[in-house]
Amino acid sequence: MYWNLENYKQIEMQKPLSSLECRLSIAKVNGKPVHSGYAIVRIVRLDTHEISFTSDLVLPTDQMMTVCFELVTETQSIRLEGRVMSRENHSAPYRYGVKYDIPDARRLLLVSMINRLASESESYAAKAVESYASCHILPELQPRINCLT
């Protein structure tokens, strides 16, 4: 299964997205660059212009702050910058929506990264199914007493 961000408005692939390490940091406040550490957040949705993630952090949604995401795999990373547009939930973990815009070259890199993660995810699932399919129940190992719970 391969995904093209331009053809699909939303990508909700929990396995591939959750396998990305996503580092959130603050890039700008009131348009002025700042340096900050980063926090690891969990991506829950990614589309052509918005990323949703969950975190225990309480972030402002007043759009005066620009956040930076660094999506990291074993072989590459990509940075996305955007503004926090929404926060859901009244207690942690909070779910945030961030609007981002990236140049076409980086968008192609992002699509490539997600395609690779999706194909790796499929192969892991296929291996698991194959592994379970190869299991045979031996009559001597089956319980002879039926227990009701």
C-alpha atoms as a PDB file:
ATOM      1  CA  MET A   1       0.000   0.000   0.000  1.00  0.00           C
ATOM      2  CA  TYR A   2       1.573   3.273  -1.099  1.00  0.00           C
ATOM      3  CA  TRP A   3       0.222   6.721  -0.216  1.00  0.00           C
ATOM      4  CA  ASN A   4       0.378   9.967  -2.126  1.00  0.00           C
ATOM      5  CA  LEU A   5      -0.353  13.003   0.062  1.00  0.00           C
ATOM      6  CA  GLU A   6      -1.840  14.906  -2.847  1.00  0.00           C
ATOM      7  CA  ASN A   7      -4.338  12.141  -3.689  1.00  0.00           C
ATOM      8  CA  TYR A   8      -5.325  11.266  -0.142  1.00  0.00           C
ATOM      9  CA  LYS A   9      -6.536  14.043   2.135  1.00  0.00           C
ATOM     10  CA  GLN A  10      -5.882  12.083   5.315  1.00  0.00           C
ATOM     11  CA  ILE A  11      -3.426   9.441   6.252  1.00  0.00           C
ATOM     12  CA  GLU A  12      -4.409   7.510   9.320  1.00  0.00           C
ATOM     13  CA  MET A  13      -1.826   4.773   9.469  1.00  0.00           C
ATOM     14  CA  GLN A  14      -1.266   4.228  13.157  1.00  0.00           C
ATOM     15  CA  LYS A  15       1.549   1.670  12.854  1.00  0.00           C
ATOM     16  CA  PRO A  16       3.773   3.640  10.448  1.00  0.00           C
ATOM     17  CA  LEU A  17       3.107   6.991  12.121  1.00  0.00           C
ATOM     18  CA  SER A  18       3.655   5.652  15.613  1.00  0.00           C
ATOM     19  CA  SER A  19       6.985   4.186  14.503  1.00  0.00           C
ATOM     20  CA  LEU A  20       8.242   7.713  13.770  1.00  0.00           C
ATOM     21  CA  GLU A  21       9.993   9.514  16.577  1.00  0.00           C
ATOM     22  CA  CYS A  22       8.443  12.963  16.581  1.00  0.00           C
ATOM     23  CA  ARG A  23      10.326  15.730  18.370  1.00  0.00           C
ATOM     24  CA  LEU A  24       8.368  18.895  19.119  1.00  0.00           C
ATOM     25  CA  SER A  25      10.190  22.134  19.882  1.00  0.00           C
ATOM     26  CA  ILE A  26       9.374  25.847  19.841  1.00  0.00           C
ATOM     27  CA  ALA A  27      10.817  27.611  16.782  1.00  0.00           C
ATOM     28  CA  LYS A  28       9.431  31.152  17.113  1.00  0.00           C
ATOM     29  CA  VAL A  29       7.443  33.295  19.523  1.00  0.00           C
ATOM     30  CA  ASN A  30       5.808  36.441  18.097  1.00  0.00           C
ATOM     31  CA  GLY A  31       7.810  35.891  14.906  1.00  0.00           C
ATOM     32  CA  LYS A  32      11.172  35.928  16.711  1.00  0.00           C
ATOM     33  CA  PRO A  33      13.345  32.800  16.553  1.00  0.00           C
ATOM     34  CA  VAL A  34      13.939  31.015  19.867  1.00  0.00           C
ATOM     35  CA  HIS A  35      15.981  27.986  20.855  1.00  0.00           C
ATOM     36  CA  SER A  36      14.334  25.324  22.991  1.00  0.00           C
ATOM     37  CA  GLY A  37      14.718  21.719  23.897  1.00  0.00           C
ATOM     38  CA  TYR A  38      12.323  19.174  22.491  1.00  0.00           C
ATOM     39  CA  ALA A  39       9.627  16.838  23.753  1.00  0.00           C
ATOM     40  CA  ILE A  40       8.650  13.539  22.172  1.00  0.00           C
ATOM     41  CA  VAL A  41       5.017  13.551  21.018  1.00  0.00           C
ATOM     42  CA  ARG A  42       2.835  10.889  19.376  1.00  0.00           C
ATOM     43  CA  ILE A  43       1.492  11.560  15.876  1.00  0.00           C
ATOM     44  CA  VAL A  44      -2.117  10.436  15.418  1.00  0.00           C
ATOM     45  CA  ARG A  45      -2.945  11.929  12.002  1.00  0.00           C
ATOM     46  CA  LEU A  46      -1.103  13.515   9.125  1.00  0.00           C
ATOM     47  CA  ASP A  47      -2.603  15.161   6.058  1.00  0.00           C
ATOM     48  CA  THR A  48      -1.438  17.565   3.375  1.00  0.00           C
ATOM     49  CA  HIS A  49      -1.438  20.645   5.626  1.00  0.00           C
ATOM     50  CA  GLU A  50      -2.122  19.505   9.177  1.00  0.00           C
ATOM     51  CA  ILE A  51      -0.574  17.204  11.715  1.00  0.00           C
ATOM     52  CA  SER A  52      -2.399  15.985  14.826  1.00  0.00           C
ATOM     53  CA  PHE A  53      -0.532  14.715  17.844  1.00  0.00           C
ATOM     54  CA  THR A  54      -1.060  13.889  21.496  1.00  0.00           C
ATOM     55  CA  SER A  55       1.024  15.156  24.377  1.00  0.00           C
ATOM     56  CA  ASP A  56       0.832  15.872  28.096  1.00  0.00           C
ATOM     57  CA  LEU A  57       2.196  19.368  27.395  1.00  0.00           C
ATOM     58  CA  VAL A  58      -0.155  22.346  27.688  1.00  0.00           C
ATOM     59  CA  LEU A  59       0.511  24.469  24.599  1.00  0.00           C
ATOM     60  CA  PRO A  60      -1.125  27.816  23.751  1.00  0.00           C
ATOM     61  CA  THR A  61      -3.445  27.931  20.749  1.00  0.00           C
ATOM     62  CA  ASP A  62      -3.178  31.695  20.176  1.00  0.00           C
ATOM     63  CA  GLN A  63      -1.045  31.244  17.026  1.00  0.00           C
ATOM     64  CA  MET A  64       1.702  33.526  18.370  1.00  0.00           C
ATOM     65  CA  MET A  65       4.001  30.526  18.663  1.00  0.00           C
ATOM     66  CA  THR A  66       5.509  28.521  15.795  1.00  0.00           C
ATOM     67  CA  VAL A  67       6.344  24.941  16.653  1.00  0.00           C
ATOM     68  CA  CYS A  68       8.756  22.657  14.883  1.00  0.00           C
ATOM     69  CA  PHE A  69       8.330  18.921  14.377  1.00  0.00           C
ATOM     70  CA  GLU A  70      11.282  16.750  13.550  1.00  0.00           C
ATOM     71  CA  LEU A  71      10.112  13.390  12.241  1.00  0.00           C
ATOM     72  CA  VAL A  72      12.929  10.904  12.707  1.00  0.00           C
ATOM     73  CA  THR A  73      13.421   7.385  11.358  1.00  0.00           C
ATOM     74  CA  GLU A  74      16.499   5.194  11.511  1.00  0.00           C
ATOM     75  CA  THR A  75      17.838   6.621   8.244  1.00  0.00           C
ATOM     76  CA  GLN A  76      16.443  10.137   7.790  1.00  0.00           C
ATOM     77  CA  SER A  77      14.605  13.037   9.367  1.00  0.00           C
ATOM     78  CA  ILE A  78      12.399  15.870   8.150  1.00  0.00           C
ATOM     79  CA  ARG A  79      11.361  19.146   9.813  1.00  0.00           C
ATOM     80  CA  LEU A  80       7.908  20.695   9.663  1.00  0.00           C
ATOM     81  CA  GLU A  81       7.020  24.103  11.106  1.00  0.00           C
ATOM     82  CA  GLY A  82       3.533  25.287  11.882  1.00  0.00           C
ATOM     83  CA  ARG A  83       1.138  26.906  14.315  1.00  0.00           C
ATOM     84  CA  VAL A  84      -1.006  25.200  16.923  1.00  0.00           C
ATOM     85  CA  MET A  85      -4.598  25.687  15.743  1.00  0.00           C
ATOM     86  CA  SER A  86      -6.585  23.558  18.188  1.00  0.00           C
ATOM     87  CA  ARG A  87      -6.442  21.638  21.447  1.00  0.00           C
ATOM     88  CA  GLU A  88      -8.891  18.894  22.403  1.00  0.00           C
ATOM     89  CA  ASN A  89      -9.510  17.233  25.770  1.00  0.00           C
ATOM     90  CA  HIS A  90      -9.729  18.961  29.138  1.00  0.00           C
ATOM     91  CA  SER A  91      -6.932  16.938  30.689  1.00  0.00           C
ATOM     92  CA  ALA A  92      -3.778  15.165  29.566  1.00  0.00           C
ATOM     93  CA  PRO A  93      -3.103  13.691  27.152  1.00  0.00           C
ATOM     94  CA  TYR A  94      -4.176  16.611  24.969  1.00  0.00           C
ATOM     95  CA  ARG A  95      -4.755  16.251  21.240  1.00  0.00           C
ATOM     96  CA  TYR A  96      -3.454  19.136  19.134  1.00  0.00           C
ATOM     97  CA  GLY A  97      -3.923  20.173  15.523  1.00  0.00           C
ATOM     98  CA  VAL A  98      -1.085  22.079  13.859  1.00  0.00           C
ATOM     99  CA  LYS A  99      -1.252  23.677  10.404  1.00  0.00           C
ATOM    100  CA  TYR A 100       2.018  23.429   8.524  1.00  0.00           C
ATOM    101  CA  ASP A 101       3.292  24.322   5.076  1.00  0.00           C
ATOM    102  CA  ILE A 102       6.387  22.808   3.474  1.00  0.00           C
ATOM    103  CA  PRO A 103       8.060  23.208   0.085  1.00  0.00           C
ATOM    104  CA  ASP A 104       7.337  20.581  -2.559  1.00  0.00           C
ATOM    105  CA  ALA A 105      10.815  19.031  -2.283  1.00  0.00           C
ATOM    106  CA  ARG A 106      10.350  18.331   1.432  1.00  0.00           C
ATOM    107  CA  ARG A 107       6.772  17.175   0.805  1.00  0.00           C
ATOM    108  CA  LEU A 108       8.159  14.550  -1.597  1.00  0.00           C
ATOM    109  CA  LEU A 109      10.638  13.480   1.082  1.00  0.00           C
ATOM    110  CA  LEU A 110       7.770  13.196   3.578  1.00  0.00           C
ATOM    111  CA  VAL A 111       5.692  11.109   1.145  1.00  0.00           C
ATOM    112  CA  SER A 112       8.711   8.893   0.490  1.00  0.00           C
ATOM    113  CA  MET A 113       9.301   8.422   4.224  1.00  0.00           C
ATOM    114  CA  ILE A 114       5.660   7.462   4.843  1.00  0.00           C
ATOM    115  CA  ASN A 115       5.604   5.112   1.838  1.00  0.00           C
ATOM    116  CA  ARG A 116       8.688   3.339   3.155  1.00  0.00           C
ATOM    117  CA  LEU A 117       7.215   3.056   6.652  1.00  0.00           C
ATOM    118  CA  ALA A 118       3.948   1.725   5.221  1.00  0.00           C
ATOM    119  CA  SER A 119       5.728  -0.926   3.164  1.00  0.00           C
ATOM    120  CA  GLU A 120       7.841  -1.972   6.176  1.00  0.00           C
ATOM    121  CA  SER A 121       4.707  -2.118   8.307  1.00  0.00           C
ATOM    122  CA  GLU A 122       3.036  -4.405   5.761  1.00  0.00           C
ATOM    123  CA  SER A 123       5.982  -6.765   5.732  1.00  0.00           C
ATOM    124  CA  TYR A 124       5.923  -7.027   9.540  1.00  0.00           C
ATOM    125  CA  ALA A 125       2.196  -7.824   9.444  1.00  0.00           C
ATOM    126  CA  ALA A 126       2.730 -10.405   6.699  1.00  0.00           C
ATOM    127  CA  LYS A 127       5.504 -12.034   8.741  1.00  0.00           C
ATOM    128  CA  ALA A 128       3.258 -12.175  11.804  1.00  0.00           C
ATOM    129  CA  VAL A 129       0.399 -13.755   9.841  1.00  0.00           C
ATOM    130  CA  GLU A 130       2.787 -16.236   8.265  1.00  0.00           C
ATOM    131  CA  SER A 131       4.196 -17.069  11.680  1.00  0.00           C
ATOM    132  CA  TYR A 132       0.733 -17.732  13.150  1.00  0.00           C
ATOM    133  CA  ALA A 133      -0.339 -19.707  10.081  1.00  0.00           C
ATOM    134  CA  SER A 134       2.596 -22.056  10.552  1.00  0.00           C
ATOM    135  CA  CYS A 135       1.516 -22.977  14.094  1.00  0.00           C
ATOM    136  CA  HIS A 136      -0.034 -26.419  14.389  1.00  0.00           C
ATOM    137  CA  ILE A 137      -1.952 -27.556  17.421  1.00  0.00           C
ATOM    138  CA  LEU A 138      -0.675 -30.918  18.574  1.00  0.00           C
ATOM    139  CA  PRO A 139      -3.367 -33.168  20.115  1.00  0.00           C
ATOM    140  CA  GLU A 140      -1.108 -34.098  23.019  1.00  0.00           C
ATOM    141  CA  LEU A 141      -0.804 -30.431  23.996  1.00  0.00           C
ATOM    142  CA  GLN A 142      -4.520 -29.631  24.042  1.00  0.00           C
ATOM    143  CA  PRO A 143      -6.128 -29.478  27.482  1.00  0.00           C
ATOM    144  CA  ARG A 144      -8.450 -32.378  28.217  1.00  0.00           C
ATOM    145  CA  ILE A 145     -10.515 -30.483  30.787  1.00  0.00           C
ATOM    146  CA  ASN A 146     -12.929 -27.763  29.725  1.00  0.00           C
ATOM    147  CA  CYS A 147     -12.827 -24.887  32.180  1.00  0.00           C
ATOM    148  CA  LEU A 148     -15.519 -22.245  32.204  1.00  0.00           C
ATOM    149  CA  THR A 149     -14.525 -18.820  33.370  1.00  0.00           C
END
